């Protein structure tokens, strides 16, 4: 399955080590520094939050997608397979929420708490939703 784009987004709170987390996300997901943009915003209590976003297109999207899927834990793969339909939008883009704590481990887990949000947009939707779902399931393994 080929992807036209991969978008990665997350927040870094003032209590976190910004450089360390950025380096960890970049190395674990295969992102290049020039693909990452940051915006400093104010949080609820006036504390600074860094909004991080990477939008990768073309052949790099495929590289990043492959690295993400290759890094997922067995439990994460099972969960994605079981909940695949809920994780797809009307354009067959797949949405994942990765556990930032698991980036330190050998494989990445899923989490809804302080996640690293991933949007994987397929290059082709030919053959309908069923064929796209089969492509995702094959990629997930």
N, C-alpha and C. Protein backbone atom coordinates (compact mmCIF):
# COMPACT_ATOMS: atom_id res chain seq x y z
N UNK A 1 0.85 -1.18 0.00
CA UNK A 1 0.00 0.00 0.00
C UNK A 1 0.89 1.24 0.00
N UNK A 2 0.57 2.17 -0.87
CA UNK A 2 1.36 3.41 -0.97
C UNK A 2 0.62 4.57 -0.33
N UNK A 3 1.39 5.51 0.21
CA UNK A 3 0.81 6.67 0.89
C UNK A 3 1.23 7.95 0.19
N UNK A 4 0.28 8.89 0.07
CA UNK A 4 0.60 10.19 -0.52
C UNK A 4 1.14 11.14 0.54
N UNK A 5 0.70 10.94 1.80
CA UNK A 5 1.21 11.80 2.86
C UNK A 5 1.06 11.13 4.22
N UNK A 6 1.92 11.56 5.13
CA UNK A 6 1.85 11.16 6.54
C UNK A 6 1.98 12.44 7.34
N UNK A 7 1.04 12.63 8.27
CA UNK A 7 1.09 13.80 9.15
C UNK A 7 1.26 13.30 10.59
N UNK A 8 2.23 13.88 11.27
CA UNK A 8 2.52 13.55 12.67
C UNK A 8 2.34 14.83 13.47
N UNK A 9 1.57 14.77 14.55
CA UNK A 9 1.40 15.97 15.38
C UNK A 9 1.30 15.59 16.86
N UNK A 10 1.82 16.47 17.70
CA UNK A 10 1.76 16.26 19.14
C UNK A 10 2.14 17.55 19.85
N UNK A 11 1.91 17.56 21.16
CA UNK A 11 2.24 18.72 21.99
C UNK A 11 3.37 18.37 22.94
N UNK A 12 4.20 19.36 23.21
CA UNK A 12 5.25 19.22 24.22
C UNK A 12 4.95 20.25 25.30
N UNK A 13 4.78 19.76 26.52
CA UNK A 13 4.45 20.65 27.64
C UNK A 13 5.73 21.21 28.26
N UNK A 14 5.58 22.29 29.00
CA UNK A 14 6.74 22.97 29.58
C UNK A 14 7.50 22.09 30.57
N UNK A 15 6.85 21.05 31.09
CA UNK A 15 7.51 20.16 32.04
C UNK A 15 8.33 19.07 31.34
N UNK A 16 8.25 19.01 30.02
CA UNK A 16 8.96 17.97 29.26
C UNK A 16 10.22 18.53 28.62
N UNK A 17 11.16 17.66 28.37
CA UNK A 17 12.40 18.02 27.71
C UNK A 17 12.14 18.06 26.20
N UNK A 18 11.98 19.27 25.66
CA UNK A 18 11.59 19.46 24.26
C UNK A 18 12.55 18.79 23.28
N UNK A 19 13.83 19.04 23.44
CA UNK A 19 14.82 18.51 22.51
C UNK A 19 14.86 16.98 22.55
N UNK A 20 14.81 16.44 23.74
CA UNK A 20 14.85 14.98 23.91
C UNK A 20 13.64 14.33 23.25
N UNK A 21 12.43 14.87 23.48
CA UNK A 21 11.21 14.29 22.91
C UNK A 21 11.20 14.43 21.39
N UNK A 22 11.62 15.59 20.89
CA UNK A 22 11.70 15.78 19.44
C UNK A 22 12.65 14.77 18.80
N UNK A 23 13.82 14.61 19.37
CA UNK A 23 14.81 13.66 18.85
C UNK A 23 14.28 12.23 18.89
N UNK A 24 13.59 11.90 19.96
CA UNK A 24 13.04 10.56 20.12
C UNK A 24 11.97 10.27 19.06
N UNK A 25 11.06 11.22 18.87
CA UNK A 25 10.00 11.05 17.86
C UNK A 25 10.61 10.96 16.46
N UNK A 26 11.54 11.84 16.17
CA UNK A 26 12.17 11.84 14.85
C UNK A 26 12.88 10.51 14.57
N UNK A 27 13.64 10.03 15.52
CA UNK A 27 14.38 8.80 15.28
C UNK A 27 13.46 7.58 15.22
N UNK A 28 12.46 7.52 16.08
CA UNK A 28 11.57 6.35 16.12
C UNK A 28 10.65 6.29 14.90
N UNK A 29 10.22 7.47 14.40
CA UNK A 29 9.28 7.50 13.28
C UNK A 29 9.95 7.77 11.93
N UNK A 30 11.26 8.01 11.94
CA UNK A 30 11.98 8.22 10.69
C UNK A 30 11.79 9.59 10.07
N UNK A 31 11.54 10.60 10.90
CA UNK A 31 11.36 11.97 10.40
C UNK A 31 12.68 12.70 10.32
N UNK A 32 12.81 13.57 9.33
CA UNK A 32 13.98 14.43 9.19
C UNK A 32 13.68 15.75 9.90
N UNK A 33 14.69 16.41 10.45
CA UNK A 33 14.47 17.67 11.18
C UNK A 33 13.78 18.74 10.34
N UNK A 34 14.13 18.81 9.05
CA UNK A 34 13.53 19.85 8.20
C UNK A 34 12.05 19.58 7.88
N UNK A 35 11.56 18.39 8.21
CA UNK A 35 10.14 18.06 7.98
C UNK A 35 9.28 18.46 9.17
N UNK A 36 9.91 18.86 10.26
CA UNK A 36 9.21 19.16 11.51
C UNK A 36 9.10 20.67 11.72
N UNK A 37 7.87 21.12 12.04
CA UNK A 37 7.68 22.54 12.38
C UNK A 37 7.13 22.63 13.80
N UNK A 38 7.48 23.74 14.46
CA UNK A 38 7.05 23.95 15.84
C UNK A 38 6.39 25.31 15.96
N UNK A 39 5.38 25.37 16.83
CA UNK A 39 4.72 26.64 17.15
C UNK A 39 4.53 26.71 18.65
N UNK A 40 4.95 27.80 19.23
CA UNK A 40 4.80 27.98 20.68
C UNK A 40 3.45 28.64 20.95
N UNK A 41 2.67 28.01 21.85
CA UNK A 41 1.34 28.52 22.20
C UNK A 41 1.20 28.54 23.72
N UNK A 42 0.22 29.30 24.20
CA UNK A 42 -0.02 29.38 25.64
C UNK A 42 -1.05 28.33 26.05
N UNK A 43 -0.76 27.64 27.15
CA UNK A 43 -1.67 26.63 27.68
C UNK A 43 -2.73 27.25 28.55
N UNK A 44 -3.58 26.40 29.14
CA UNK A 44 -4.68 26.85 30.00
C UNK A 44 -4.23 27.75 31.14
N UNK A 45 -3.13 27.41 31.75
CA UNK A 45 -2.68 28.14 32.92
C UNK A 45 -1.54 29.09 32.60
N UNK A 46 -1.42 29.47 31.33
CA UNK A 46 -0.39 30.41 30.91
C UNK A 46 0.97 29.77 30.66
N UNK A 47 1.06 28.47 30.86
CA UNK A 47 2.34 27.80 30.61
C UNK A 47 2.52 27.59 29.11
N UNK A 48 3.76 27.58 28.69
CA UNK A 48 4.06 27.43 27.27
C UNK A 48 3.92 25.98 26.82
N UNK A 49 3.29 25.81 25.68
CA UNK A 49 3.14 24.50 25.04
C UNK A 49 3.71 24.62 23.64
N UNK A 50 4.43 23.61 23.21
CA UNK A 50 4.97 23.61 21.85
C UNK A 50 4.11 22.63 21.02
N UNK A 51 3.51 23.15 19.97
CA UNK A 51 2.74 22.33 19.05
C UNK A 51 3.69 21.91 17.93
N UNK A 52 3.84 20.60 17.75
CA UNK A 52 4.78 20.05 16.77
C UNK A 52 3.99 19.36 15.67
N UNK A 53 4.40 19.61 14.43
CA UNK A 53 3.73 18.98 13.30
C UNK A 53 4.75 18.68 12.21
N UNK A 54 4.60 17.50 11.62
CA UNK A 54 5.41 17.12 10.47
C UNK A 54 4.45 16.61 9.40
N UNK A 55 4.57 17.15 8.21
CA UNK A 55 3.75 16.70 7.08
C UNK A 55 4.72 16.22 6.01
N UNK A 56 4.68 14.93 5.76
CA UNK A 56 5.64 14.30 4.85
C UNK A 56 4.88 13.81 3.62
N UNK A 57 5.41 14.13 2.43
CA UNK A 57 4.75 13.73 1.19
C UNK A 57 5.71 12.97 0.28
N UNK A 58 5.15 12.42 -0.78
CA UNK A 58 5.97 11.73 -1.78
C UNK A 58 6.60 10.46 -1.25
N UNK A 59 7.78 10.16 -1.76
CA UNK A 59 8.46 8.91 -1.38
C UNK A 59 8.81 8.87 0.10
N UNK A 60 9.03 10.04 0.70
CA UNK A 60 9.33 10.09 2.14
C UNK A 60 8.13 9.63 2.97
N UNK A 61 6.92 9.88 2.46
CA UNK A 61 5.72 9.42 3.18
C UNK A 61 5.73 7.91 3.31
N UNK A 62 6.14 7.24 2.26
CA UNK A 62 6.20 5.78 2.27
C UNK A 62 7.23 5.29 3.27
N UNK A 63 8.38 5.95 3.32
CA UNK A 63 9.45 5.58 4.25
C UNK A 63 8.96 5.72 5.70
N UNK A 64 8.33 6.86 6.00
CA UNK A 64 7.86 7.11 7.36
C UNK A 64 6.74 6.13 7.73
N UNK A 65 5.79 5.89 6.82
CA UNK A 65 4.70 4.95 7.08
C UNK A 65 5.25 3.56 7.37
N UNK A 66 6.20 3.12 6.58
CA UNK A 66 6.80 1.80 6.76
C UNK A 66 7.49 1.71 8.13
N UNK A 67 8.18 2.77 8.51
CA UNK A 67 8.86 2.77 9.81
C UNK A 67 7.84 2.72 10.96
N UNK A 68 6.75 3.48 10.83
CA UNK A 68 5.71 3.49 11.87
C UNK A 68 5.12 2.08 12.02
N UNK A 69 4.69 1.49 10.92
CA UNK A 69 4.08 0.17 11.00
C UNK A 69 5.08 -0.88 11.49
N UNK A 70 6.33 -0.76 11.10
CA UNK A 70 7.35 -1.69 11.54
C UNK A 70 7.68 -1.59 13.02
N UNK A 71 7.36 -0.45 13.63
CA UNK A 71 7.67 -0.22 15.04
C UNK A 71 6.53 -0.56 15.99
N UNK A 72 5.35 -0.86 15.45
CA UNK A 72 4.18 -1.12 16.30
C UNK A 72 4.30 -2.44 17.05
N UNK A 73 3.83 -2.42 18.29
CA UNK A 73 3.81 -3.65 19.10
C UNK A 73 2.77 -4.61 18.54
N UNK A 74 2.89 -5.84 18.94
CA UNK A 74 1.94 -6.87 18.51
C UNK A 74 0.52 -6.52 18.97
N UNK A 75 0.40 -6.04 20.20
CA UNK A 75 -0.90 -5.64 20.74
C UNK A 75 -1.49 -4.47 19.94
N UNK A 76 -0.64 -3.51 19.58
CA UNK A 76 -1.10 -2.35 18.80
C UNK A 76 -1.61 -2.81 17.43
N UNK A 77 -0.90 -3.72 16.81
CA UNK A 77 -1.32 -4.24 15.50
C UNK A 77 -2.68 -4.93 15.59
N UNK A 78 -2.85 -5.74 16.63
CA UNK A 78 -4.12 -6.43 16.84
C UNK A 78 -5.24 -5.43 17.04
N UNK A 79 -5.00 -4.44 17.86
CA UNK A 79 -6.00 -3.41 18.15
C UNK A 79 -6.39 -2.64 16.88
N UNK A 80 -5.42 -2.28 16.07
CA UNK A 80 -5.70 -1.55 14.82
C UNK A 80 -6.52 -2.41 13.88
N UNK A 81 -6.15 -3.68 13.76
CA UNK A 81 -6.90 -4.61 12.89
C UNK A 81 -8.35 -4.70 13.34
N UNK A 82 -8.56 -4.86 14.65
CA UNK A 82 -9.91 -5.02 15.19
C UNK A 82 -10.75 -3.75 15.08
N UNK A 83 -10.10 -2.58 15.15
CA UNK A 83 -10.81 -1.30 15.14
C UNK A 83 -10.59 -0.52 13.85
N UNK A 84 -10.18 -1.22 12.79
CA UNK A 84 -9.78 -0.54 11.56
C UNK A 84 -10.85 0.40 11.02
N UNK A 85 -12.07 -0.06 10.95
CA UNK A 85 -13.15 0.76 10.37
C UNK A 85 -13.35 2.05 11.16
N UNK A 86 -13.21 2.00 12.47
CA UNK A 86 -13.38 3.19 13.32
C UNK A 86 -12.23 4.18 13.15
N UNK A 87 -11.09 3.68 12.66
CA UNK A 87 -9.90 4.53 12.53
C UNK A 87 -9.73 5.13 11.14
N UNK A 88 -10.67 4.85 10.24
CA UNK A 88 -10.61 5.38 8.87
C UNK A 88 -11.61 6.51 8.71
N UNK A 89 -11.23 7.54 7.94
CA UNK A 89 -12.19 8.60 7.63
C UNK A 89 -12.86 8.30 6.29
N UNK A 90 -13.67 9.22 5.82
CA UNK A 90 -14.42 9.02 4.57
C UNK A 90 -13.52 8.96 3.34
N UNK A 91 -12.27 9.40 3.47
CA UNK A 91 -11.31 9.35 2.37
C UNK A 91 -10.31 8.21 2.54
N UNK A 92 -10.59 7.30 3.46
CA UNK A 92 -9.77 6.12 3.75
C UNK A 92 -8.42 6.43 4.38
N UNK A 93 -8.27 7.63 4.95
CA UNK A 93 -7.05 7.94 5.70
C UNK A 93 -7.14 7.22 7.05
N UNK A 94 -6.02 6.68 7.50
CA UNK A 94 -5.95 5.96 8.76
C UNK A 94 -5.40 6.88 9.84
N UNK A 95 -6.07 6.91 10.98
CA UNK A 95 -5.65 7.73 12.11
C UNK A 95 -5.18 6.83 13.24
N UNK A 96 -4.00 7.12 13.76
CA UNK A 96 -3.43 6.37 14.88
C UNK A 96 -3.07 7.34 16.00
N UNK A 97 -3.12 6.85 17.23
CA UNK A 97 -2.67 7.62 18.39
C UNK A 97 -1.63 6.78 19.11
N UNK A 98 -0.39 7.22 18.98
CA UNK A 98 0.73 6.47 19.55
C UNK A 98 1.03 6.94 20.97
N UNK A 99 1.42 6.00 21.80
CA UNK A 99 1.79 6.28 23.18
C UNK A 99 3.21 6.83 23.21
N UNK A 100 3.35 8.07 23.62
CA UNK A 100 4.69 8.70 23.63
C UNK A 100 5.63 8.02 24.60
N UNK A 101 5.10 7.44 25.68
CA UNK A 101 5.96 6.75 26.65
C UNK A 101 6.59 5.49 26.04
N UNK A 102 5.86 4.86 25.11
CA UNK A 102 6.37 3.62 24.52
C UNK A 102 7.48 3.87 23.49
N UNK A 103 7.74 5.13 23.15
CA UNK A 103 8.82 5.43 22.21
C UNK A 103 10.18 5.01 22.77
N UNK A 104 10.25 4.89 24.07
CA UNK A 104 11.49 4.49 24.73
C UNK A 104 11.68 2.97 24.69
N UNK A 105 10.63 2.26 24.33
CA UNK A 105 10.68 0.80 24.30
C UNK A 105 11.00 0.32 22.89
N UNK A 106 11.12 -0.99 22.75
CA UNK A 106 11.48 -1.55 21.44
C UNK A 106 10.32 -1.47 20.45
N UNK A 107 9.08 -1.47 20.95
CA UNK A 107 7.93 -1.35 20.05
C UNK A 107 6.93 -0.32 20.59
N UNK A 108 6.19 0.27 19.68
CA UNK A 108 5.28 1.38 20.02
C UNK A 108 3.88 0.86 20.31
N UNK A 109 3.27 1.41 21.35
CA UNK A 109 1.90 1.07 21.73
C UNK A 109 0.96 2.20 21.32
N UNK A 110 -0.33 1.96 21.46
CA UNK A 110 -1.34 2.98 21.20
C UNK A 110 -1.81 3.57 22.52
N UNK A 111 -2.27 4.82 22.49
CA UNK A 111 -2.79 5.46 23.69
C UNK A 111 -3.59 6.69 23.31
N UNK A 112 -4.61 6.99 24.11
CA UNK A 112 -5.40 8.20 23.90
C UNK A 112 -4.92 9.34 24.79
N UNK A 113 -4.02 9.04 25.74
CA UNK A 113 -3.53 10.06 26.66
C UNK A 113 -2.24 10.68 26.15
N UNK A 114 -2.25 11.98 25.92
CA UNK A 114 -1.09 12.71 25.41
C UNK A 114 -0.47 11.99 24.21
N UNK A 115 -1.29 11.64 23.22
CA UNK A 115 -0.76 10.82 22.12
C UNK A 115 0.05 11.61 21.10
N UNK A 116 0.76 10.85 20.31
CA UNK A 116 1.36 11.37 19.09
C UNK A 116 0.37 10.96 18.00
N UNK A 117 -0.25 11.94 17.39
CA UNK A 117 -1.30 11.66 16.40
C UNK A 117 -0.68 11.46 15.02
N UNK A 118 -1.15 10.42 14.35
CA UNK A 118 -0.65 10.08 13.03
C UNK A 118 -1.83 10.02 12.07
N UNK A 119 -1.67 10.62 10.89
CA UNK A 119 -2.66 10.50 9.82
C UNK A 119 -1.92 9.98 8.60
N UNK A 120 -2.34 8.82 8.12
CA UNK A 120 -1.74 8.20 6.94
C UNK A 120 -2.75 8.26 5.80
N UNK A 121 -2.41 9.00 4.76
CA UNK A 121 -3.33 9.18 3.64
C UNK A 121 -2.88 8.31 2.47
N UNK A 122 -3.74 7.36 2.05
CA UNK A 122 -3.36 6.47 0.95
C UNK A 122 -3.25 7.21 -0.38
N UNK A 123 -2.35 6.74 -1.22
CA UNK A 123 -2.14 7.36 -2.53
C UNK A 123 -3.30 7.07 -3.46
N UNK A 124 -3.78 5.83 -3.43
CA UNK A 124 -4.85 5.43 -4.34
C UNK A 124 -5.99 4.80 -3.57
N UNK A 125 -7.18 5.12 -3.97
CA UNK A 125 -8.36 4.53 -3.34
C UNK A 125 -9.11 3.66 -4.34
N UNK A 126 -8.44 3.33 -5.44
CA UNK A 126 -9.06 2.52 -6.48
C UNK A 126 -9.46 1.15 -5.94
N UNK A 127 -10.60 0.66 -6.39
CA UNK A 127 -11.06 -0.65 -5.95
C UNK A 127 -11.99 -0.58 -4.77
N UNK A 128 -12.23 0.63 -4.24
CA UNK A 128 -13.20 0.78 -3.16
C UNK A 128 -12.61 0.55 -1.77
N UNK A 129 -13.45 0.79 -0.80
CA UNK A 129 -13.05 0.73 0.61
C UNK A 129 -12.57 -0.66 1.01
N UNK A 130 -13.21 -1.68 0.50
CA UNK A 130 -12.83 -3.05 0.87
C UNK A 130 -11.38 -3.34 0.48
N UNK A 131 -10.99 -2.90 -0.71
CA UNK A 131 -9.62 -3.13 -1.17
C UNK A 131 -8.62 -2.32 -0.33
N UNK A 132 -9.00 -1.10 0.04
CA UNK A 132 -8.14 -0.26 0.89
C UNK A 132 -7.97 -0.93 2.26
N UNK A 133 -9.07 -1.45 2.82
CA UNK A 133 -9.00 -2.14 4.11
C UNK A 133 -8.07 -3.34 4.05
N UNK A 134 -8.16 -4.09 2.96
CA UNK A 134 -7.27 -5.24 2.79
C UNK A 134 -5.81 -4.80 2.72
N UNK A 135 -5.57 -3.67 2.04
CA UNK A 135 -4.21 -3.12 1.97
C UNK A 135 -3.68 -2.76 3.34
N UNK A 136 -4.51 -2.12 4.17
CA UNK A 136 -4.10 -1.77 5.53
C UNK A 136 -3.83 -3.02 6.34
N UNK A 137 -4.73 -4.01 6.24
CA UNK A 137 -4.56 -5.22 7.03
C UNK A 137 -3.28 -5.96 6.65
N UNK A 138 -2.96 -5.96 5.37
CA UNK A 138 -1.72 -6.59 4.91
C UNK A 138 -0.50 -5.85 5.45
N UNK A 139 -0.57 -4.52 5.44
CA UNK A 139 0.53 -3.70 5.93
C UNK A 139 0.72 -3.86 7.44
N UNK A 140 -0.39 -3.96 8.17
CA UNK A 140 -0.34 -4.11 9.61
C UNK A 140 0.26 -5.45 9.99
N UNK A 141 0.00 -6.46 9.17
CA UNK A 141 0.58 -7.79 9.40
C UNK A 141 -0.20 -8.64 10.34
